[in-house]
């Protein structure tokens, strides 16, 4: 493990920049000033000549990827339960093991996830889990950006509900704006089928009190939707609207099984959606109506979900899947074009997490970006770099990573995390779970 000093103002020269905007591939330079992009363009500004410089030759720079839904501690359960339907997988494999998790388990599992995410180009992630103070420690140490939420299942006693809600509130007060602003917080009841209506309403009130967004799982499976109709007489989107959930800025994970009416409700309330194509395919949960949601104006971002249901955290895979599966399902090759898929993994991710000035390479945006090694066969010929990012690239192509203009991965090495120790401790943590 090595560390590096970074100047407050510096320049990348001789670079190719895929900005994430329409027609946005620039050959030229980019200036970073105090963590913000101050200039990007073909011609070097006169006042930039004496700045510390990075040579961009052979590299393709693009916005850092945003993983808008996951559970980082669950990387300890990668490969532990595969080829099962969601409820069986949760009840027989995941929840029994997760009940044994200590805060140390979550720390090492989250560390393992952050190493994987950083080295595959993710610069911002959302995490909904328990022991979130330990996850925040990992974020603070590693240099990554995150939206964190103490996820809460409400199928418990009133006393337990109070404790969990108070934990979520305390976490928000302690960590929102933490790690030099790289940590933001959401309030997260787990799902309509795991949280009674009055408990969800208490989370809505807490989100109002704290001025924070809300996040929950919704309509991941057909069975979950059917249960909601049995229990409450309405489908989940209508149920959450009645509970006031959408009175706050809010984002839903999955949203696979939606009617046209529900899509209209989400669009009218400006509710964002995290599309998790890899996890949804593996659990046979279905394929979300992403083209219809996008056409309705819903911000649709991309997430991996956990490494236990994916089973990797490579956001390049999710971008590619999002571009491909909707073509296959709809029979329309324009259903999710390459640039739209890229924006789902970058700009729309930032928007769905309610983080401003993030997700494209442009003056005034946060300097969260990555560099891909293009001196490889699958980046040739040099035709359309956006196409290459979406249809050809993979996480292993990431060479360098910056967040707030600070380099945190250099030549595929995490600069502020001890990767060898994290691999050792994560394996030991899993083995410890098996013996408890």
Protein backbone atom coordinates (compact mmCIF):
# COMPACT_ATOMS: atom_id res chain seq x y z
CA UNK A 1 0.00 0.00 0.00
CA UNK A 2 1.31 3.44 -0.92
CA UNK A 3 0.06 6.95 -0.43
CA UNK A 4 0.30 10.00 -2.64
CA UNK A 5 0.09 13.74 -2.21
CA UNK A 6 -2.17 15.60 -4.59
CA UNK A 7 -1.92 19.27 -5.57
CA UNK A 8 -4.99 21.48 -5.23
CA UNK A 9 -4.82 22.49 -8.88
CA UNK A 10 -3.48 20.30 -11.68
CA UNK A 11 -4.05 19.32 -15.30
CA UNK A 12 -4.44 16.22 -17.46
CA UNK A 13 -2.87 16.69 -20.89
CA UNK A 14 -3.07 14.58 -24.07
CA UNK A 15 -6.26 12.90 -22.88
CA UNK A 16 -9.38 11.52 -24.48
CA UNK A 17 -12.42 12.44 -22.38
CA UNK A 18 -15.82 10.76 -22.68
CA UNK A 19 -17.80 13.45 -20.89
CA UNK A 20 -21.09 11.57 -20.59
CA UNK A 21 -22.88 14.31 -22.53
CA UNK A 22 -24.34 14.21 -26.05
CA UNK A 23 -21.52 14.14 -28.59
CA UNK A 24 -19.16 14.50 -25.69
CA UNK A 25 -15.81 12.99 -26.61
CA UNK A 26 -13.03 15.56 -26.29
CA UNK A 27 -9.39 15.22 -27.25
CA UNK A 28 -7.49 17.69 -25.13
CA UNK A 29 -7.02 18.53 -21.48
CA UNK A 30 -8.88 18.88 -18.20
CA UNK A 31 -8.02 21.15 -15.27
CA UNK A 32 -8.96 20.22 -11.71
CA UNK A 33 -9.04 22.94 -9.06
CA UNK A 34 -9.77 22.10 -5.40
CA UNK A 35 -11.72 18.97 -6.24
CA UNK A 36 -13.79 20.53 -9.03
CA UNK A 37 -13.33 20.44 -12.80
CA UNK A 38 -12.56 24.04 -13.76
CA UNK A 39 -11.91 23.49 -17.48
CA UNK A 40 -12.23 20.76 -20.09
CA UNK A 41 -11.59 21.28 -23.77
CA UNK A 42 -9.28 20.86 -26.75
CA UNK A 43 -7.07 23.88 -26.02
CA UNK A 44 -5.01 24.35 -22.90
CA UNK A 45 -5.78 27.55 -20.93
CA UNK A 46 -2.91 30.01 -20.79
CA UNK A 47 -2.81 30.00 -16.99
CA UNK A 48 -2.45 26.18 -16.91
CA UNK A 49 1.00 25.93 -18.44
CA UNK A 50 2.90 25.65 -15.16
CA UNK A 51 0.45 23.35 -13.37
CA UNK A 52 1.43 19.87 -12.15
CA UNK A 53 0.41 17.55 -14.97
CA UNK A 54 -0.70 13.98 -15.69
CA UNK A 55 0.00 12.60 -19.15
CA UNK A 56 -3.21 11.12 -20.51
CA UNK A 57 -1.65 9.27 -23.43
CA UNK A 58 -3.18 5.82 -23.91
CA UNK A 59 -5.96 6.55 -21.42
CA UNK A 60 -9.69 7.22 -21.78
CA UNK A 61 -11.11 9.41 -19.02
CA UNK A 62 -14.79 9.20 -18.07
CA UNK A 63 -17.05 10.04 -15.12
CA UNK A 64 -16.77 7.64 -12.19
CA UNK A 65 -19.53 5.05 -12.10
CA UNK A 66 -22.33 5.35 -9.55
CA UNK A 67 -23.66 2.14 -7.99
CA UNK A 68 -27.07 3.27 -6.75
CA UNK A 69 -28.11 0.21 -4.76
CA UNK A 70 -26.25 -2.39 -2.75
CA UNK A 71 -25.39 -3.99 0.55
CA UNK A 72 -21.60 -3.95 0.82
CA UNK A 73 -21.28 -6.13 3.92
CA UNK A 74 -22.91 -8.99 2.02
CA UNK A 75 -19.77 -9.57 -0.05
CA UNK A 76 -18.94 -12.06 2.73
CA UNK A 77 -21.81 -14.20 1.38
CA UNK A 78 -20.74 -14.21 -2.27
CA UNK A 79 -21.39 -17.70 -3.66
CA UNK A 80 -23.05 -18.88 -0.45
CA UNK A 81 -26.53 -19.23 -2.00
CA UNK A 82 -27.04 -19.34 -5.76
CA UNK A 83 -29.76 -20.37 -8.22
CA UNK A 84 -32.68 -19.78 -5.84
CA UNK A 85 -35.80 -17.62 -5.86
CA UNK A 86 -35.61 -14.46 -3.79
CA UNK A 87 -37.72 -15.38 -0.76
CA UNK A 88 -36.16 -18.83 -0.36
CA UNK A 89 -32.70 -17.31 -0.82
CA UNK A 90 -33.40 -14.67 1.83
CA UNK A 91 -35.10 -16.90 4.38
CA UNK A 92 -32.88 -20.00 4.18
CA UNK A 93 -29.49 -18.55 3.25
CA UNK A 94 -29.09 -14.81 3.75
CA UNK A 95 -31.07 -13.83 6.84
CA UNK A 96 -29.82 -16.72 9.05
CA UNK A 97 -26.21 -15.85 8.24
CA UNK A 98 -26.74 -12.10 8.48
CA UNK A 99 -28.20 -12.56 11.96
CA UNK A 100 -24.71 -13.66 13.03
CA UNK A 101 -22.94 -10.62 11.57
CA UNK A 102 -20.90 -8.50 13.96
CA UNK A 103 -19.84 -4.94 13.25
CA UNK A 104 -16.37 -6.30 12.39
CA UNK A 105 -17.90 -8.63 9.80
CA UNK A 106 -19.64 -5.68 8.19
CA UNK A 107 -16.42 -3.66 8.27
CA UNK A 108 -14.39 -6.31 6.46
CA UNK A 109 -17.18 -7.24 4.06
CA UNK A 110 -17.67 -3.57 3.18
CA UNK A 111 -13.91 -3.08 2.82
CA UNK A 112 -13.81 -6.00 0.38
CA UNK A 113 -16.68 -4.45 -1.60
CA UNK A 114 -15.05 -1.02 -1.70
CA UNK A 115 -11.79 -2.48 -3.01
CA UNK A 116 -13.75 -4.28 -5.73
CA UNK A 117 -15.80 -1.21 -6.61
CA UNK A 118 -12.88 1.20 -6.71
CA UNK A 119 -10.74 -1.08 -8.86
CA UNK A 120 -13.62 -1.49 -11.32
CA UNK A 121 -14.33 2.23 -11.62
CA UNK A 122 -17.13 2.94 -9.13
CA UNK A 123 -16.53 6.23 -7.35
CA UNK A 124 -19.91 6.57 -5.59
CA UNK A 125 -22.15 3.88 -4.11
CA UNK A 126 -25.31 3.56 -2.06
CA UNK A 127 -25.34 1.15 0.85
CA UNK A 128 -28.38 0.05 2.81
CA UNK A 129 -27.40 -2.17 5.74
CA UNK A 130 -26.74 -2.53 9.47
CA UNK A 131 -23.68 -1.44 11.50
CA UNK A 132 -23.47 1.56 9.20
CA UNK A 133 -20.95 3.41 11.37
CA UNK A 134 -18.41 0.80 10.29
CA UNK A 135 -19.31 1.25 6.63
CA UNK A 136 -18.84 4.99 7.07
CA UNK A 137 -15.37 4.30 8.50
CA UNK A 138 -14.48 2.40 5.32
CA UNK A 139 -15.75 5.25 3.15
CA UNK A 140 -13.82 7.82 5.16
CA UNK A 141 -10.59 5.82 4.95
CA UNK A 142 -10.77 4.73 1.32
CA UNK A 143 -11.57 8.06 -0.33
CA UNK A 144 -14.70 6.81 -2.13
CA UNK A 145 -18.02 8.71 -2.10
CA UNK A 146 -21.19 7.14 -0.68
CA UNK A 147 -24.83 7.58 0.17
CA UNK A 148 -25.38 5.50 3.30
CA UNK A 149 -28.55 4.30 4.98
CA UNK A 150 -29.25 2.21 8.04
CA UNK A 151 -31.65 -0.28 6.42
CA UNK A 152 -34.39 -1.37 8.79
CA UNK A 153 -36.67 -4.41 8.77
CA UNK A 154 -39.73 -3.69 10.89
CA UNK A 155 -41.04 -7.22 11.52
CA UNK A 156 -40.26 -7.01 15.23
CA UNK A 157 -41.56 -5.68 18.56
CA UNK A 158 -42.43 -2.04 19.09
CA UNK A 159 -39.38 -1.68 21.32
CA UNK A 160 -37.14 -3.11 18.61
CA UNK A 161 -38.69 -0.81 16.04
CA UNK A 162 -37.95 2.18 18.27
CA UNK A 163 -34.34 1.08 18.70
CA UNK A 164 -33.79 0.61 14.97
CA UNK A 165 -35.39 3.93 14.03
CA UNK A 166 -33.36 5.74 16.67
CA UNK A 167 -30.20 4.10 15.32
CA UNK A 168 -31.04 5.31 11.81
CA UNK A 169 -31.67 8.84 13.07
CA UNK A 170 -28.47 8.92 15.14
CA UNK A 171 -26.45 7.63 12.18
CA UNK A 172 -27.87 10.36 9.96
CA UNK A 173 -27.05 13.08 12.49
CA UNK A 174 -23.51 11.76 13.00
CA UNK A 175 -22.51 11.11 9.39
CA UNK A 176 -24.51 13.22 6.92
CA UNK A 177 -21.90 15.49 5.33
CA UNK A 178 -19.08 13.44 6.86
CA UNK A 179 -15.75 12.46 5.30
CA UNK A 180 -15.25 15.99 3.94
CA UNK A 181 -18.71 15.89 2.37
CA UNK A 182 -18.23 12.56 0.62
CA UNK A 183 -20.85 10.88 2.83
CA UNK A 184 -24.53 11.70 2.49
CA UNK A 185 -27.32 9.82 4.25
CA UNK A 186 -30.73 8.48 3.31
CA UNK A 187 -33.49 7.06 5.52
CA UNK A 188 -34.35 3.49 4.54
CA UNK A 189 -37.15 1.25 5.70
CA UNK A 190 -36.26 -2.05 4.02
CA UNK A 191 -39.43 -2.68 1.99
CA UNK A 192 -43.23 -2.40 2.16
CA UNK A 193 -43.46 -6.15 2.81
CA UNK A 194 -40.97 -6.06 5.71
CA UNK A 195 -42.15 -2.83 7.37
CA UNK A 196 -45.66 -2.19 8.74
CA UNK A 197 -47.37 0.93 7.36
CA UNK A 198 -47.13 2.94 10.58
CA UNK A 199 -43.41 2.18 10.80
CA UNK A 200 -42.85 3.45 7.25
CA UNK A 201 -44.76 6.61 8.18
CA UNK A 202 -42.36 7.17 11.07
CA UNK A 203 -39.44 6.97 8.63
CA UNK A 204 -41.15 9.48 6.37
CA UNK A 205 -41.53 11.86 9.32
CA UNK A 206 -37.88 11.37 10.30
CA UNK A 207 -36.82 12.12 6.73
CA UNK A 208 -38.84 15.36 6.86
CA UNK A 209 -37.34 16.27 10.25
CA UNK A 210 -33.79 15.62 9.05
CA UNK A 211 -34.36 16.93 5.49
CA UNK A 212 -33.09 13.70 3.95
CA UNK A 213 -34.17 11.53 0.99
CA UNK A 214 -35.82 8.11 1.38
CA UNK A 215 -34.80 4.78 -0.12
CA UNK A 216 -36.50 1.36 -0.10
CA UNK A 217 -36.86 -1.88 -2.04
CA UNK A 218 -40.11 -2.06 -4.02
CA UNK A 219 -41.78 -4.51 -6.40
CA UNK A 220 -38.72 -6.70 -6.87
CA UNK A 221 -40.81 -9.85 -7.37
CA UNK A 222 -44.34 -10.65 -8.50
CA UNK A 223 -44.92 -12.54 -5.23
CA UNK A 224 -44.06 -9.44 -3.20
CA UNK A 225 -46.57 -7.38 -5.19
CA UNK A 226 -49.28 -10.02 -4.69
CA UNK A 227 -48.60 -10.02 -0.94
CA UNK A 228 -48.94 -6.23 -0.83
CA UNK A 229 -52.33 -6.46 -2.55
CA UNK A 230 -53.45 -9.18 -0.11
CA UNK A 231 -52.28 -7.28 2.96
CA UNK A 232 -53.19 -3.70 2.02
CA UNK A 233 -55.56 -3.92 -0.93
CA UNK A 234 -53.31 -1.95 -3.31
CA UNK A 235 -50.09 -2.39 -5.27
CA UNK A 236 -46.83 -1.17 -3.66
CA UNK A 237 -46.45 2.19 -5.47
CA UNK A 238 -49.99 3.21 -4.51
CA UNK A 239 -49.37 1.93 -0.98
CA UNK A 240 -46.20 4.00 -0.55
CA UNK A 241 -47.86 7.08 -2.04
CA UNK A 242 -50.67 6.80 0.52
CA UNK A 243 -48.10 6.54 3.32
CA UNK A 244 -46.50 9.81 2.20
CA UNK A 245 -43.27 8.15 1.12
CA UNK A 246 -43.12 10.20 -2.07
CA UNK A 247 -43.57 13.46 -0.17
CA UNK A 248 -39.79 13.32 0.27
CA UNK A 249 -37.17 13.02 -2.49
CA UNK A 250 -37.12 9.25 -2.85
CA UNK A 251 -35.50 6.41 -4.74
CA UNK A 252 -36.72 2.84 -5.18
CA UNK A 253 -34.57 -0.22 -5.75
CA UNK A 254 -35.73 -2.69 -8.43
CA UNK A 255 -39.28 -1.56 -9.40
CA UNK A 256 -39.48 -4.60 -11.68
CA UNK A 257 -43.23 -5.24 -11.57
CA UNK A 258 -45.01 -1.96 -12.29
CA UNK A 259 -48.29 -1.18 -14.01
CA UNK A 260 -48.68 1.82 -16.30
CA UNK A 261 -50.56 3.56 -13.48
CA UNK A 262 -47.68 2.99 -11.06
CA UNK A 263 -45.16 4.34 -13.57
CA UNK A 264 -47.33 7.46 -13.88
CA UNK A 265 -47.37 7.79 -10.07
CA UNK A 266 -43.58 7.56 -9.84
CA UNK A 267 -43.12 10.05 -12.67
CA UNK A 268 -45.61 12.52 -11.18
CA UNK A 269 -43.85 12.36 -7.81
CA UNK A 270 -40.35 12.55 -9.35
CA UNK A 271 -39.36 9.24 -7.76
CA UNK A 272 -36.05 7.80 -8.96
CA UNK A 273 -35.45 4.10 -9.60
CA UNK A 274 -32.32 1.97 -9.22
CA UNK A 275 -32.40 -0.69 -11.94
CA UNK A 276 -30.44 -3.81 -10.90
CA UNK A 277 -30.40 -5.94 -14.06
CA UNK A 278 -27.75 -8.48 -13.02
CA UNK A 279 -29.29 -9.28 -9.65
CA UNK A 280 -32.83 -9.33 -11.07
CA UNK A 281 -31.78 -11.78 -13.78
CA UNK A 282 -29.92 -14.08 -11.39
CA UNK A 283 -32.84 -14.25 -8.95
CA UNK A 284 -35.30 -14.60 -11.87
CA UNK A 285 -37.17 -11.59 -10.53
CA UNK A 286 -37.96 -10.28 -14.00
CA UNK A 287 -37.01 -7.39 -16.27
CA UNK A 288 -38.07 -3.88 -15.29
CA UNK A 289 -39.88 -1.62 -17.79
CA UNK A 290 -36.88 0.66 -18.09
CA UNK A 291 -37.54 2.13 -21.56
CA UNK A 292 -41.08 3.06 -20.51
CA UNK A 293 -39.83 4.58 -17.24
CA UNK A 294 -37.19 6.62 -19.06
CA UNK A 295 -39.75 7.87 -21.59
CA UNK A 296 -42.03 8.93 -18.73
CA UNK A 297 -39.24 11.10 -17.29
CA UNK A 298 -38.27 8.87 -14.37
CA UNK A 299 -34.57 9.05 -13.45
CA UNK A 300 -33.41 5.43 -13.80
CA UNK A 301 -29.95 4.62 -12.44
CA UNK A 302 -28.05 1.36 -12.09
CA UNK A 303 -27.05 -0.78 -9.14
CA UNK A 304 -25.41 -4.12 -8.59
CA UNK A 305 -27.33 -5.08 -5.45
CA UNK A 306 -25.10 -7.22 -3.24
CA UNK A 307 -22.24 -9.51 -4.24
CA UNK A 308 -24.39 -12.31 -2.82
CA UNK A 309 -26.99 -11.91 -5.57
CA UNK A 310 -24.97 -10.57 -8.48
CA UNK A 311 -22.14 -11.93 -7.80
CA UNK A 312 -19.73 -9.10 -8.62
CA UNK A 313 -19.81 -5.35 -8.24
CA UNK A 314 -18.56 -4.44 -11.72
CA UNK A 315 -20.76 -1.57 -12.87
CA UNK A 316 -19.52 -1.91 -16.44
CA UNK A 317 -21.49 -5.18 -16.49
CA UNK A 318 -24.65 -3.41 -15.33
CA UNK A 319 -24.24 -0.68 -17.95
CA UNK A 320 -23.83 -3.29 -20.68
CA UNK A 321 -26.74 -5.40 -19.41
CA UNK A 322 -28.99 -2.33 -19.28
CA UNK A 323 -28.16 -1.58 -22.90
CA UNK A 324 -28.67 -5.19 -24.03
CA UNK A 325 -31.57 -6.83 -22.20
CA UNK A 326 -34.12 -4.16 -23.07
CA UNK A 327 -33.24 -4.51 -26.73
CA UNK A 328 -33.79 -8.25 -26.46
CA UNK A 329 -37.04 -8.04 -24.52
CA UNK A 330 -38.59 -5.28 -26.64
CA UNK A 331 -37.26 -6.22 -30.08
CA UNK A 332 -36.20 -2.58 -30.41
CA UNK A 333 -32.42 -2.00 -30.82
CA UNK A 334 -32.91 1.65 -29.83
CA UNK A 335 -34.64 0.80 -26.52
CA UNK A 336 -31.63 1.86 -24.40
CA UNK A 337 -28.91 3.38 -26.60
CA UNK A 338 -25.27 3.29 -25.53
CA UNK A 339 -25.10 6.89 -24.30
CA UNK A 340 -28.30 6.47 -22.29
CA UNK A 341 -26.90 3.32 -20.66
CA UNK A 342 -23.70 5.20 -19.80
CA UNK A 343 -25.70 8.06 -18.30
CA UNK A 344 -27.72 5.55 -16.24
CA UNK A 345 -24.41 4.40 -14.74
CA UNK A 346 -23.08 7.91 -14.12
CA UNK A 347 -25.22 11.08 -14.22
CA UNK A 348 -28.56 9.43 -13.49
CA UNK A 349 -26.91 7.59 -10.60
CA UNK A 350 -25.85 10.87 -9.05
CA UNK A 351 -29.31 12.33 -9.62
CA UNK A 352 -31.02 9.30 -8.05
CA UNK A 353 -28.86 9.74 -4.93
CA UNK A 354 -29.64 13.47 -4.89
CA UNK A 355 -25.95 14.41 -5.13
CA UNK A 356 -25.49 17.63 -7.07
CA UNK A 357 -22.77 18.49 -9.62
CA UNK A 358 -21.75 14.90 -10.20
CA UNK A 359 -21.84 12.45 -13.07
CA UNK A 360 -20.40 14.20 -16.13
CA UNK A 361 -17.05 15.72 -17.04
CA UNK A 362 -17.79 19.43 -17.32
CA UNK A 363 -16.67 22.67 -15.72
CA UNK A 364 -18.22 23.06 -12.28
CA UNK A 365 -18.71 19.32 -11.70
CA UNK A 366 -17.08 17.34 -8.91
CA UNK A 367 -13.81 15.81 -10.09
CA UNK A 368 -14.85 12.17 -9.67
CA UNK A 369 -13.48 10.34 -12.69
CA UNK A 370 -11.62 7.25 -13.85
CA UNK A 371 -9.05 6.40 -16.49
CA UNK A 372 -9.31 3.31 -18.70
CA UNK A 373 -6.34 1.68 -20.40
CA UNK A 374 -7.16 1.86 -24.12
CA UNK A 375 -3.92 0.25 -25.31
CA UNK A 376 -5.79 -3.05 -25.59
CA UNK A 377 -7.27 -5.00 -28.49
CA UNK A 378 -10.90 -4.50 -27.49
CA UNK A 379 -10.59 -0.70 -27.67
CA UNK A 380 -9.60 -0.81 -31.35
CA UNK A 381 -10.31 0.52 -33.87
CA UNK A 382 -10.79 3.97 -32.38
CA UNK A 383 -14.29 4.49 -33.73
CA UNK A 384 -16.83 5.36 -31.00
CA UNK A 385 -15.51 5.57 -27.46
CA UNK A 386 -18.98 5.62 -25.88
CA UNK A 387 -19.77 2.40 -27.73
CA UNK A 388 -16.50 0.89 -26.52
CA UNK A 389 -17.25 1.85 -22.89
CA UNK A 390 -20.72 0.31 -22.98
CA UNK A 391 -20.24 -2.74 -25.20
CA UNK A 392 -16.52 -3.61 -24.90
CA UNK A 393 -15.07 -2.35 -21.62
CA UNK A 394 -14.91 -4.07 -18.23
CA UNK A 395 -13.89 -3.13 -14.72
CA UNK A 396 -10.46 -4.67 -15.26
CA UNK A 397 -9.71 -1.89 -17.78
CA UNK A 398 -9.66 0.74 -15.01
CA UNK A 399 -6.12 1.98 -14.36
CA UNK A 400 -6.62 5.07 -12.16
CA UNK A 401 -9.42 6.58 -10.03
CA UNK A 402 -9.92 10.07 -8.59
CA UNK A 403 -12.60 11.38 -6.20
CA UNK A 404 -12.79 15.12 -5.44
CA UNK A 405 -9.69 15.45 -7.60
CA UNK A 406 -7.69 13.21 -5.27
CA UNK A 407 -6.19 10.05 -6.71
CA UNK A 408 -7.30 7.00 -4.73
CA UNK A 409 -6.40 4.22 -7.20
CA UNK A 410 -3.09 4.34 -9.06
CA UNK A 411 -2.04 1.65 -11.52
CA UNK A 412 -4.82 -0.60 -10.15
CA UNK A 413 -3.67 -0.26 -6.55
CA UNK A 414 -5.91 1.26 -3.86
CA UNK A 415 -3.77 3.96 -2.28
CA UNK A 416 -5.49 4.15 1.09
CA UNK A 417 -6.60 0.55 1.70
CA UNK A 418 -4.47 -2.48 2.57
CA UNK A 419 -5.84 -4.91 -0.02
CA UNK A 420 -3.89 -7.93 1.23
CA UNK A 421 -5.13 -7.47 4.80
CA UNK A 422 -8.71 -6.93 3.60
CA UNK A 423 -8.66 -10.16 1.58
CA UNK A 424 -7.28 -12.10 4.57
CA UNK A 425 -9.70 -10.64 7.13
CA UNK A 426 -12.72 -11.10 4.83
CA UNK A 427 -12.00 -14.80 4.36
CA UNK A 428 -11.46 -15.18 8.12
CA UNK A 429 -14.75 -13.38 8.81
CA UNK A 430 -16.67 -15.77 6.53
CA UNK A 431 -15.07 -18.80 8.17
CA UNK A 432 -16.01 -17.37 11.56
CA UNK A 433 -19.65 -17.07 10.49
CA UNK A 434 -19.71 -20.78 9.62
CA UNK A 435 -18.65 -21.77 13.14
CA UNK A 436 -21.01 -19.51 15.13
